[in-house]
Amino acid sequence: MAFVDYYKILGLSKTASENDIKKAYRKLARKYHPDLNPNDKNAEKKFKEINEANEVLSNPENRKKYDQYGEHWQHAEEYEKAKQQNQYQQSYQGATGGYSEEDFSDFFENMFGGQSSRGRSRQVKFRGQDFNAELQLNLKDVYTTHKRTLTVNNKNIRITIPAGIENGQIIKIKGHGGKGVNGGPNGDLLIQFSIVNHSKFKRDKENLYLTVDLDLYKALLGGDITVDAFYGKVKLKIKPETQNGTKVKLKGKGFPKYKKEGQFGDLYVTYKIKLPTKLSNKEKELFSELDKLR
């Protein structure tokens, strides 16, 4: 396995702070983002390397393992367990001495299918690395369940995206991560969703919120109006003397509930009364008369 220097990829030294890592990642991710470098295979490869480096170095626990074990950092726990077991056996048998660097090398030689310097040939199976990816979608994209094809490590993977998935939510595609070691199972692909909302609706899980302008006369006298739901239109009856900020709930007109086929949240409509402008002289006279009556 070729050693990958994550610090070098981000242009940092091993003494870099968490803030340094965050700044370097953001700068490079913007530079090599596929949206800014369409059909550029080198930029796409660089973007994947940057994300991989950030996944490791931005996590304090993973960074500690990487600093200590280098290319074998993902198997640090197995090594530590083997080390503890060896120390226990030495203590039980009355032996002296610790776990040497030779033992460390032997362990990983064994793990990757080689034969240790002591002649051991047992191969240990290890699960492959999990891959992380981010998928950006518009809010309208997740209103209905649909399928989409993703390209991960030059492989096309067709996934089903359930309606109602939320911003930041992660789904796991089993077995589509890194290959297992010595016949071990493959890792998984973890996809985090970034939902972009360009609509006039605000979303809170399965509920939607909408502010609607209501003219003064309709608010005072009442009547019917038509408002946009997320899909389609809804006719609403306005009660006379409706106050500014009045909120009404339209049951079942919100967003789909995640993995609950046919179930929807609610749509909350808030009325914002819009005062008339550029009044004519006649209108001003009428308002003056109303003012006197009140």
C-alpha atoms as a PDB file:
ATOM      1  CA  MET A   1       0.000   0.000   0.000  1.00  0.00           C
ATOM      2  CA  ALA A   2       1.545   3.310  -1.057  1.00  0.00           C
ATOM      3  CA  PHE A   3       1.900   5.834   1.733  1.00  0.00           C
ATOM      4  CA  VAL A   4      -0.295   8.917   1.310  1.00  0.00           C
ATOM      5  CA  ASP A   5       0.992  12.044   3.021  1.00  0.00           C
ATOM      6  CA  TYR A   6      -2.202  13.864   3.992  1.00  0.00           C
ATOM      7  CA  TYR A   7      -0.277  16.826   5.384  1.00  0.00           C
ATOM      8  CA  LYS A   8       1.500  17.281   2.061  1.00  0.00           C
ATOM      9  CA  ILE A   9      -1.814  17.105   0.158  1.00  0.00           C
ATOM     10  CA  LEU A  10      -3.169  20.019   2.223  1.00  0.00           C
ATOM     11  CA  GLY A  11       0.162  21.871   2.116  1.00  0.00           C
ATOM     12  CA  LEU A  12       0.614  21.706   5.893  1.00  0.00           C
ATOM     13  CA  SER A  13       3.174  20.598   8.455  1.00  0.00           C
ATOM     14  CA  LYS A  14       2.500  18.056  11.207  1.00  0.00           C
ATOM     15  CA  THR A  15       2.275  20.914  13.716  1.00  0.00           C
ATOM     16  CA  ALA A  16      -0.740  22.447  11.929  1.00  0.00           C
ATOM     17  CA  SER A  17      -3.637  23.454  14.176  1.00  0.00           C
ATOM     18  CA  GLU A  18      -7.259  22.398  13.648  1.00  0.00           C
ATOM     19  CA  ASN A  19      -7.973  25.890  12.316  1.00  0.00           C
ATOM     20  CA  ASP A  20      -5.038  25.614   9.862  1.00  0.00           C
ATOM     21  CA  ILE A  21      -6.457  22.323   8.565  1.00  0.00           C
ATOM     22  CA  LYS A  22      -9.929  23.805   8.183  1.00  0.00           C
ATOM     23  CA  LYS A  23      -8.638  26.855   6.277  1.00  0.00           C
ATOM     24  CA  ALA A  24      -6.405  24.809   3.985  1.00  0.00           C
ATOM     25  CA  TYR A  25      -9.198  22.369   3.174  1.00  0.00           C
ATOM     26  CA  ARG A  26     -11.711  25.114   2.338  1.00  0.00           C
ATOM     27  CA  LYS A  27      -9.230  26.920   0.113  1.00  0.00           C
ATOM     28  CA  LEU A  28      -8.223  23.822  -1.842  1.00  0.00           C
ATOM     29  CA  ALA A  29     -11.776  22.401  -2.021  1.00  0.00           C
ATOM     30  CA  ARG A  30     -12.955  25.622  -3.658  1.00  0.00           C
ATOM     31  CA  LYS A  31     -10.032  25.583  -6.083  1.00  0.00           C
ATOM     32  CA  TYR A  32     -10.511  21.987  -7.246  1.00  0.00           C
ATOM     33  CA  HIS A  33     -14.286  21.615  -6.882  1.00  0.00           C
ATOM     34  CA  PRO A  34     -15.757  19.687  -9.867  1.00  0.00           C
ATOM     35  CA  ASP A  35     -18.325  22.432 -10.478  1.00  0.00           C
ATOM     36  CA  LEU A  36     -15.489  24.886 -11.136  1.00  0.00           C
ATOM     37  CA  ASN A  37     -13.427  22.377 -13.131  1.00  0.00           C
ATOM     38  CA  PRO A  38     -15.883  20.526 -15.384  1.00  0.00           C
ATOM     39  CA  ASN A  39     -14.437  17.516 -17.269  1.00  0.00           C
ATOM     40  CA  ASP A  40     -11.070  17.983 -15.562  1.00  0.00           C
ATOM     41  CA  LYS A  41      -9.977  14.504 -14.393  1.00  0.00           C
ATOM     42  CA  ASN A  42      -6.885  15.835 -12.606  1.00  0.00           C
ATOM     43  CA  ALA A  43      -8.967  18.331 -10.628  1.00  0.00           C
ATOM     44  CA  GLU A  44     -11.478  15.587  -9.797  1.00  0.00           C
ATOM     45  CA  LYS A  45      -8.686  13.327  -8.527  1.00  0.00           C
ATOM     46  CA  LYS A  46      -7.158  16.177  -6.519  1.00  0.00           C
ATOM     47  CA  PHE A  47     -10.570  17.024  -5.019  1.00  0.00           C
ATOM     48  CA  LYS A  48     -10.980  13.413  -3.823  1.00  0.00           C
ATOM     49  CA  GLU A  49      -7.482  13.439  -2.277  1.00  0.00           C
ATOM     50  CA  ILE A  50      -8.230  16.706  -0.486  1.00  0.00           C
ATOM     51  CA  ASN A  51     -11.478  15.330   0.937  1.00  0.00           C
ATOM     52  CA  GLU A  52      -9.772  12.131   2.060  1.00  0.00           C
ATOM     53  CA  ALA A  53      -6.988  14.078   3.768  1.00  0.00           C
ATOM     54  CA  ASN A  54      -9.499  16.331   5.520  1.00  0.00           C
ATOM     55  CA  GLU A  55     -11.576  13.346   6.691  1.00  0.00           C
ATOM     56  CA  VAL A  56      -8.543  12.012   8.536  1.00  0.00           C
ATOM     57  CA  LEU A  57      -6.791  15.141   9.781  1.00  0.00           C
ATOM     58  CA  SER A  58      -9.919  17.038  10.873  1.00  0.00           C
ATOM     59  CA  ASN A  59     -10.818  14.179  13.212  1.00  0.00           C
ATOM     60  CA  PRO A  60      -8.528  14.400  16.292  1.00  0.00           C
ATOM     61  CA  GLU A  61      -8.713  10.670  17.013  1.00  0.00           C
ATOM     62  CA  ASN A  62      -7.955   9.635  13.428  1.00  0.00           C
ATOM     63  CA  ARG A  63      -5.200  12.222  13.165  1.00  0.00           C
ATOM     64  CA  LYS A  64      -3.513  10.804  16.269  1.00  0.00           C
ATOM     65  CA  LYS A  65      -3.599   7.299  14.772  1.00  0.00           C
ATOM     66  CA  TYR A  66      -2.310   8.603  11.435  1.00  0.00           C
ATOM     67  CA  ASP A  67       0.583  10.453  13.104  1.00  0.00           C
ATOM     68  CA  GLN A  68       1.546   7.315  15.014  1.00  0.00           C
ATOM     69  CA  TYR A  69       0.961   4.547  12.468  1.00  0.00           C
ATOM     70  CA  GLY A  70       1.146   6.315   9.106  1.00  0.00           C
ATOM     71  CA  GLU A  71      -0.280   4.290   6.223  1.00  0.00           C
ATOM     72  CA  HIS A  72      -1.558   1.637   8.675  1.00  0.00           C
ATOM     73  CA  TRP A  73      -3.540   4.073  10.831  1.00  0.00           C
ATOM     74  CA  GLN A  74      -6.883   2.410  10.049  1.00  0.00           C
ATOM     75  CA  HIS A  75      -5.666  -0.767  11.719  1.00  0.00           C
ATOM     76  CA  ALA A  76      -4.222   0.879  14.823  1.00  0.00           C
ATOM     77  CA  GLU A  77      -6.846  -0.676  17.103  1.00  0.00           C
ATOM     78  CA  GLU A  78      -6.022  -4.184  15.899  1.00  0.00           C
ATOM     79  CA  TYR A  79      -2.348  -3.553  16.521  1.00  0.00           C
ATOM     80  CA  GLU A  80      -3.001  -2.222  20.029  1.00  0.00           C
ATOM     81  CA  LYS A  81      -5.156  -5.252  20.847  1.00  0.00           C
ATOM     82  CA  ALA A  82      -2.463  -7.611  19.598  1.00  0.00           C
ATOM     83  CA  LYS A  83       0.115  -5.681  21.588  1.00  0.00           C
ATOM     84  CA  GLN A  84      -1.928  -5.908  24.788  1.00  0.00           C
ATOM     85  CA  GLN A  85      -2.506  -9.622  24.265  1.00  0.00           C
ATOM     86  CA  ASN A  86       1.213 -10.183  23.722  1.00  0.00           C
ATOM     87  CA  GLN A  87       2.092  -8.218  26.861  1.00  0.00           C
ATOM     88  CA  TYR A  88      -0.456 -10.216  28.837  1.00  0.00           C
ATOM     89  CA  GLN A  89       1.030 -13.486  27.606  1.00  0.00           C
ATOM     90  CA  GLN A  90       4.554 -12.307  28.436  1.00  0.00           C
ATOM     91  CA  SER A  91       3.433 -11.346  31.940  1.00  0.00           C
ATOM     92  CA  TYR A  92       1.656 -14.659  32.436  1.00  0.00           C
ATOM     93  CA  GLN A  93       4.720 -16.611  31.294  1.00  0.00           C
ATOM     94  CA  GLY A  94       7.062 -14.491  33.378  1.00  0.00           C
ATOM     95  CA  ALA A  95       8.753 -13.012  30.339  1.00  0.00           C
ATOM     96  CA  THR A  96      10.323  -9.572  30.224  1.00  0.00           C
ATOM     97  CA  GLY A  97      10.517  -6.920  27.564  1.00  0.00           C
ATOM     98  CA  GLY A  98       7.987  -4.896  25.601  1.00  0.00           C
ATOM     99  CA  TYR A  99       6.452  -4.995  22.155  1.00  0.00           C
ATOM    100  CA  SER A 100       9.253  -4.076  19.746  1.00  0.00           C
ATOM    101  CA  GLU A 101       9.322  -2.267  16.432  1.00  0.00           C
ATOM    102  CA  GLU A 102      10.034  -5.650  14.852  1.00  0.00           C
ATOM    103  CA  ASP A 103       6.745  -6.920  16.286  1.00  0.00           C
ATOM    104  CA  PHE A 104       5.024  -3.885  14.816  1.00  0.00           C
ATOM    105  CA  SER A 105       6.457  -4.590  11.367  1.00  0.00           C
ATOM    106  CA  ASP A 106       5.658  -8.283  11.658  1.00  0.00           C
ATOM    107  CA  PHE A 107       2.064  -7.509  12.564  1.00  0.00           C
ATOM    108  CA  PHE A 108       1.452  -5.398   9.482  1.00  0.00           C
ATOM    109  CA  GLU A 109       3.400  -7.748   7.231  1.00  0.00           C
ATOM    110  CA  ASN A 110       1.078 -10.470   8.463  1.00  0.00           C
ATOM    111  CA  MET A 111      -1.969  -8.278   8.033  1.00  0.00           C
ATOM    112  CA  PHE A 112      -1.227  -7.478   4.409  1.00  0.00           C
ATOM    113  CA  GLY A 113      -0.577 -11.061   3.462  1.00  0.00           C
ATOM    114  CA  GLY A 114       3.206 -11.271   3.749  1.00  0.00           C
ATOM    115  CA  GLN A 115       5.291 -13.515   5.959  1.00  0.00           C
ATOM    116  CA  SER A 116       6.865 -12.060   9.079  1.00  0.00           C
ATOM    117  CA  SER A 117      10.555 -12.078   9.876  1.00  0.00           C
ATOM    118  CA  ARG A 118       9.799 -14.787  12.427  1.00  0.00           C
ATOM    119  CA  GLY A 119       8.313 -17.110   9.861  1.00  0.00           C
ATOM    120  CA  ARG A 120       4.646 -16.632  10.740  1.00  0.00           C
ATOM    121  CA  SER A 121       2.289 -16.962   7.763  1.00  0.00           C
ATOM    122  CA  ARG A 122      -1.160 -16.458   9.336  1.00  0.00           C
ATOM    123  CA  GLN A 123      -3.212 -13.842   7.473  1.00  0.00           C
ATOM    124  CA  VAL A 124      -5.588 -11.604   9.379  1.00  0.00           C
ATOM    125  CA  LYS A 125      -8.760 -10.392   7.658  1.00  0.00           C
ATOM    126  CA  PHE A 126      -9.648  -6.730   8.021  1.00  0.00           C
ATOM    127  CA  ARG A 127     -12.606  -4.691   6.880  1.00  0.00           C
ATOM    128  CA  GLY A 128     -11.971  -2.112   4.164  1.00  0.00           C
ATOM    129  CA  GLN A 129     -12.010   1.639   4.709  1.00  0.00           C
ATOM    130  CA  ASP A 130     -15.294   3.524   4.618  1.00  0.00           C
ATOM    131  CA  PHE A 131     -15.545   6.128   1.860  1.00  0.00           C
ATOM    132  CA  ASN A 132     -17.231   9.486   2.443  1.00  0.00           C
ATOM    133  CA  ALA A 133     -18.962  11.532  -0.237  1.00  0.00           C
ATOM    134  CA  GLU A 134     -21.197  14.596  -0.371  1.00  0.00           C
ATOM    135  CA  LEU A 135     -24.165  14.954  -2.705  1.00  0.00           C
ATOM    136  CA  GLN A 136     -25.763  18.365  -3.253  1.00  0.00           C
ATOM    137  CA  LEU A 137     -29.430  18.466  -4.222  1.00  0.00           C
ATOM    138  CA  ASN A 138     -32.119  21.119  -4.554  1.00  0.00           C
ATOM    139  CA  LEU A 139     -35.097  21.006  -2.206  1.00  0.00           C
ATOM    140  CA  LYS A 140     -37.353  20.099  -5.138  1.00  0.00           C
ATOM    141  CA  ASP A 141     -35.148  17.074  -5.869  1.00  0.00           C
ATOM    142  CA  VAL A 142     -36.010  15.451  -2.540  1.00  0.00           C
ATOM    143  CA  TYR A 143     -39.765  16.041  -2.702  1.00  0.00           C
ATOM    144  CA  THR A 144     -40.160  12.701  -4.471  1.00  0.00           C
ATOM    145  CA  THR A 145     -38.291   9.417  -4.210  1.00  0.00           C
ATOM    146  CA  HIS A 146     -35.988   9.006  -7.186  1.00  0.00           C
ATOM    147  CA  LYS A 147     -32.932   7.149  -8.400  1.00  0.00           C
ATOM    148  CA  ARG A 148     -29.584   8.680  -9.225  1.00  0.00           C
ATOM    149  CA  THR A 149     -26.277   7.359 -10.520  1.00  0.00           C
ATOM    150  CA  LEU A 150     -23.114   8.416  -8.689  1.00  0.00           C
ATOM    151  CA  THR A 151     -19.533   7.914  -9.820  1.00  0.00           C
ATOM    152  CA  VAL A 152     -17.264   6.904  -6.947  1.00  0.00           C
ATOM    153  CA  ASN A 153     -13.652   5.881  -7.685  1.00  0.00           C
ATOM    154  CA  ASN A 154     -14.549   5.498 -11.367  1.00  0.00           C
ATOM    155  CA  LYS A 155     -17.421   3.135 -10.559  1.00  0.00           C
ATOM    156  CA  ASN A 156     -21.057   3.964 -11.276  1.00  0.00           C
ATOM    157  CA  ILE A 157     -23.359   3.300  -8.339  1.00  0.00           C
ATOM    158  CA  ARG A 158     -27.129   3.615  -8.749  1.00  0.00           C
ATOM    159  CA  ILE A 159     -28.847   4.625  -5.517  1.00  0.00           C
ATOM    160  CA  THR A 160     -32.400   5.366  -4.461  1.00  0.00           C
ATOM    161  CA  ILE A 161     -32.861   8.713  -2.703  1.00  0.00           C
ATOM    162  CA  PRO A 162     -35.957   8.591  -0.464  1.00  0.00           C
ATOM    163  CA  ALA A 163     -38.304  11.566  -0.491  1.00  0.00           C
ATOM    164  CA  GLY A 164     -37.982  13.789   2.564  1.00  0.00           C
ATOM    165  CA  ILE A 165     -34.267  13.291   3.165  1.00  0.00           C
ATOM    166  CA  GLU A 166     -32.857  16.146   5.245  1.00  0.00           C
ATOM    167  CA  ASN A 167     -29.901  18.485   4.949  1.00  0.00           C
ATOM    168  CA  GLY A 168     -26.836  16.914   6.565  1.00  0.00           C
ATOM    169  CA  GLN A 169     -28.386  13.449   6.676  1.00  0.00           C
ATOM    170  CA  ILE A 170     -26.107  10.516   5.911  1.00  0.00           C
ATOM    171  CA  ILE A 171     -27.087   7.261   4.234  1.00  0.00           C
ATOM    172  CA  LYS A 172     -24.870   4.170   4.030  1.00  0.00           C
ATOM    173  CA  ILE A 173     -24.360   2.126   0.868  1.00  0.00           C
ATOM    174  CA  LYS A 174     -23.038  -1.177   2.153  1.00  0.00           C
ATOM    175  CA  GLY A 175     -19.975  -2.717   0.531  1.00  0.00           C
ATOM    176  CA  HIS A 176     -19.090   0.202  -1.754  1.00  0.00           C
ATOM    177  CA  GLY A 177     -16.149   1.475   0.282  1.00  0.00           C
ATOM    178  CA  GLY A 178     -12.515   0.355   0.203  1.00  0.00           C
ATOM    179  CA  LYS A 179     -11.617  -3.263  -0.471  1.00  0.00           C
ATOM    180  CA  GLY A 180     -11.119  -5.541   2.511  1.00  0.00           C
ATOM    181  CA  VAL A 181      -7.668  -6.832   3.424  1.00  0.00           C
ATOM    182  CA  ASN A 182      -6.862 -10.534   3.054  1.00  0.00           C
ATOM    183  CA  GLY A 183     -10.422 -11.414   2.114  1.00  0.00           C
ATOM    184  CA  GLY A 184     -12.055  -9.169   4.706  1.00  0.00           C
ATOM    185  CA  PRO A 185     -15.350  -7.412   3.913  1.00  0.00           C
ATOM    186  CA  ASN A 186     -15.399  -4.181   1.930  1.00  0.00           C
ATOM    187  CA  GLY A 187     -16.047  -0.912   3.704  1.00  0.00           C
ATOM    188  CA  ASP A 188     -19.168   1.156   3.162  1.00  0.00           C
ATOM    189  CA  LEU A 189     -19.909   4.336   1.217  1.00  0.00           C
ATOM    190  CA  LEU A 190     -21.306   7.082   3.450  1.00  0.00           C
ATOM    191  CA  ILE A 191     -23.140   9.798   1.533  1.00  0.00           C
ATOM    192  CA  GLN A 192     -23.923  13.087   3.263  1.00  0.00           C
ATOM    193  CA  PHE A 193     -26.656  15.179   1.644  1.00  0.00           C
ATOM    194  CA  SER A 194     -26.430  18.926   1.227  1.00  0.00           C
ATOM    195  CA  ILE A 195     -29.913  20.272   0.462  1.00  0.00           C
ATOM    196  CA  VAL A 196     -30.001  23.706  -1.170  1.00  0.00           C
ATOM    197  CA  ASN A 197     -33.261  25.633  -0.804  1.00  0.00           C
ATOM    198  CA  HIS A 198     -33.922  28.254  -3.474  1.00  0.00           C
ATOM    199  CA  SER A 199     -37.681  28.232  -2.929  1.00  0.00           C
ATOM    200  CA  LYS A 200     -39.801  30.747  -0.992  1.00  0.00           C
ATOM    201  CA  PHE A 201     -40.643  28.061   1.553  1.00  0.00           C
ATOM    202  CA  LYS A 202     -38.802  27.485   4.790  1.00  0.00           C
ATOM    203  CA  ARG A 203     -38.447  23.860   5.808  1.00  0.00           C
ATOM    204  CA  ASP A 204     -38.320  22.333   9.267  1.00  0.00           C
ATOM    205  CA  LYS A 205     -38.170  18.541   8.833  1.00  0.00           C
ATOM    206  CA  GLU A 206     -41.515  17.638   7.207  1.00  0.00           C
ATOM    207  CA  ASN A 207     -43.200  21.019   7.836  1.00  0.00           C
ATOM    208  CA  LEU A 208     -43.093  23.993   5.477  1.00  0.00           C
ATOM    209  CA  TYR A 209     -43.564  27.696   6.256  1.00  0.00           C
ATOM    210  CA  LEU A 210     -44.713  30.393   3.846  1.00  0.00           C
ATOM    211  CA  THR A 211     -45.380  34.123   4.239  1.00  0.00           C
ATOM    212  CA  VAL A 212     -48.126  35.533   2.011  1.00  0.00           C
ATOM    213  CA  ASP A 213     -48.885  39.199   1.302  1.00  0.00           C
ATOM    214  CA  LEU A 214     -52.518  40.122   2.031  1.00  0.00           C
ATOM    215  CA  ASP A 215     -53.959  43.419   0.861  1.00  0.00           C
ATOM    216  CA  LEU A 216     -55.628  45.641   3.431  1.00  0.00           C
ATOM    217  CA  TYR A 217     -59.113  45.415   1.938  1.00  0.00           C
ATOM    218  CA  LYS A 218     -59.077  41.607   1.844  1.00  0.00           C
ATOM    219  CA  ALA A 219     -57.859  41.536   5.432  1.00  0.00           C
ATOM    220  CA  LEU A 220     -60.663  43.872   6.542  1.00  0.00           C
ATOM    221  CA  LEU A 221     -63.549  42.508   4.516  1.00  0.00           C
ATOM    222  CA  GLY A 222     -62.534  38.894   4.019  1.00  0.00           C
ATOM    223  CA  GLY A 223     -62.695  36.855   0.829  1.00  0.00           C
ATOM    224  CA  ASP A 224     -60.825  34.143  -1.045  1.00  0.00           C
ATOM    225  CA  ILE A 225     -57.198  34.014  -2.153  1.00  0.00           C
ATOM    226  CA  THR A 226     -55.082  31.418  -3.951  1.00  0.00           C
ATOM    227  CA  VAL A 227     -51.598  30.576  -2.617  1.00  0.00           C
ATOM    228  CA  ASP A 228     -48.836  28.337  -3.892  1.00  0.00           C
ATOM    229  CA  ALA A 229     -48.241  25.078  -2.062  1.00  0.00           C
ATOM    230  CA  PHE A 230     -44.905  23.351  -2.723  1.00  0.00           C
ATOM    231  CA  TYR A 231     -46.573  21.641  -5.663  1.00  0.00           C
ATOM    232  CA  GLY A 232     -49.840  23.066  -6.971  1.00  0.00           C
ATOM    233  CA  LYS A 233     -52.092  25.811  -5.634  1.00  0.00           C
ATOM    234  CA  VAL A 234     -54.435  26.019  -2.655  1.00  0.00           C
ATOM    235  CA  LYS A 235     -57.523  28.215  -2.247  1.00  0.00           C
ATOM    236  CA  LEU A 236     -57.879  29.862   1.164  1.00  0.00           C
ATOM    237  CA  LYS A 237     -60.808  31.675   2.742  1.00  0.00           C
ATOM    238  CA  ILE A 238     -59.837  34.881   4.533  1.00  0.00           C
ATOM    239  CA  LYS A 239     -61.899  35.771   7.562  1.00  0.00           C
ATOM    240  CA  PRO A 240     -63.025  39.424   7.923  1.00  0.00           C
ATOM    241  CA  GLU A 241     -60.773  41.534  10.147  1.00  0.00           C
ATOM    242  CA  THR A 242     -57.799  39.202   9.778  1.00  0.00           C
ATOM    243  CA  GLN A 243     -54.864  40.603  11.749  1.00  0.00           C
ATOM    244  CA  ASN A 244     -51.306  41.022  10.536  1.00  0.00           C
ATOM    245  CA  GLY A 245     -49.180  37.975  11.417  1.00  0.00           C
ATOM    246  CA  THR A 246     -52.149  35.579  11.539  1.00  0.00           C
ATOM    247  CA  LYS A 247     -50.967  32.015  10.904  1.00  0.00           C
ATOM    248  CA  VAL A 248     -53.053  29.185   9.442  1.00  0.00           C
ATOM    249  CA  LYS A 249     -52.164  25.507   9.134  1.00  0.00           C
ATOM    250  CA  LEU A 250     -52.836  23.524   5.975  1.00  0.00           C
ATOM    251  CA  LYS A 251     -52.728  19.912   7.080  1.00  0.00           C
ATOM    252  CA  GLY A 252     -50.873  17.507   4.816  1.00  0.00           C
ATOM    253  CA  LYS A 253     -49.619  20.233   2.462  1.00  0.00           C
ATOM    254  CA  GLY A 254     -46.062  20.188   3.735  1.00  0.00           C
ATOM    255  CA  PHE A 255     -43.035  18.053   2.846  1.00  0.00           C
ATOM    256  CA  PRO A 256     -42.947  14.242   2.556  1.00  0.00           C
ATOM    257  CA  LYS A 257     -42.065  12.371   5.736  1.00  0.00           C
ATOM    258  CA  TYR A 258     -38.817  10.445   5.371  1.00  0.00           C
ATOM    259  CA  LYS A 259     -39.419   6.787   4.486  1.00  0.00           C
ATOM    260  CA  LYS A 260     -43.154   7.106   5.252  1.00  0.00           C
ATOM    261  CA  GLU A 261     -44.780   6.661   1.870  1.00  0.00           C
ATOM    262  CA  GLY A 262     -47.807   8.893   1.314  1.00  0.00           C
ATOM    263  CA  GLN A 263     -47.383  10.849   4.567  1.00  0.00           C
ATOM    264  CA  PHE A 264     -46.730  14.595   4.573  1.00  0.00           C
ATOM    265  CA  GLY A 265     -46.123  17.320   7.082  1.00  0.00           C
ATOM    266  CA  ASP A 266     -48.121  20.548   7.275  1.00  0.00           C
ATOM    267  CA  LEU A 267     -47.861  23.909   5.542  1.00  0.00           C
ATOM    268  CA  TYR A 268     -48.052  26.969   7.820  1.00  0.00           C
ATOM    269  CA  VAL A 269     -49.090  30.187   6.077  1.00  0.00           C
ATOM    270  CA  THR A 270     -48.482  33.542   7.755  1.00  0.00           C
ATOM    271  CA  TYR A 271     -50.372  36.604   6.488  1.00  0.00           C
ATOM    272  CA  LYS A 272     -48.439  39.822   6.056  1.00  0.00           C
ATOM    273  CA  ILE A 273     -50.853  42.701   5.510  1.00  0.00           C
ATOM    274  CA  LYS A 274     -49.722  45.024   2.749  1.00  0.00           C
ATOM    275  CA  LEU A 275     -50.818  48.640   3.066  1.00  0.00           C
ATOM    276  CA  PRO A 276     -51.921  50.474  -0.096  1.00  0.00           C
ATOM    277  CA  THR A 277     -49.663  53.170  -1.530  1.00  0.00           C
ATOM    278  CA  LYS A 278     -50.152  56.093  -3.945  1.00  0.00           C
ATOM    279  CA  LEU A 279     -53.652  56.815  -2.645  1.00  0.00           C
ATOM    280  CA  SER A 280     -55.931  58.986  -4.788  1.00  0.00           C
ATOM    281  CA  ASN A 281     -57.605  62.044  -3.288  1.00  0.00           C
ATOM    282  CA  LYS A 282     -60.896  60.170  -3.165  1.00  0.00           C
ATOM    283  CA  GLU A 283     -59.290  57.274  -1.280  1.00  0.00           C
ATOM    284  CA  LYS A 284     -57.727  59.671   1.185  1.00  0.00           C
ATOM    285  CA  GLU A 285     -61.141  61.284   1.788  1.00  0.00           C
ATOM    286  CA  LEU A 286     -62.737  57.886   2.395  1.00  0.00           C
ATOM    287  CA  PHE A 287     -60.016  56.870   4.823  1.00  0.00           C
ATOM    288  CA  SER A 288     -60.462  60.196   6.620  1.00  0.00           C
ATOM    289  CA  GLU A 289     -64.164  59.472   6.972  1.00  0.00           C
ATOM    290  CA  LEU A 290     -63.388  55.998   8.320  1.00  0.00           C
ATOM    291  CA  ASP A 291     -60.960  57.515  10.770  1.00  0.00           C
ATOM    292  CA  LYS A 292     -63.698  59.858  12.050  1.00  0.00           C
ATOM    293  CA  LEU A 293     -66.120  56.952  12.410  1.00  0.00           C
ATOM    294  CA  ARG A 294     -63.608  55.048  14.525  1.00  0.00           C
END
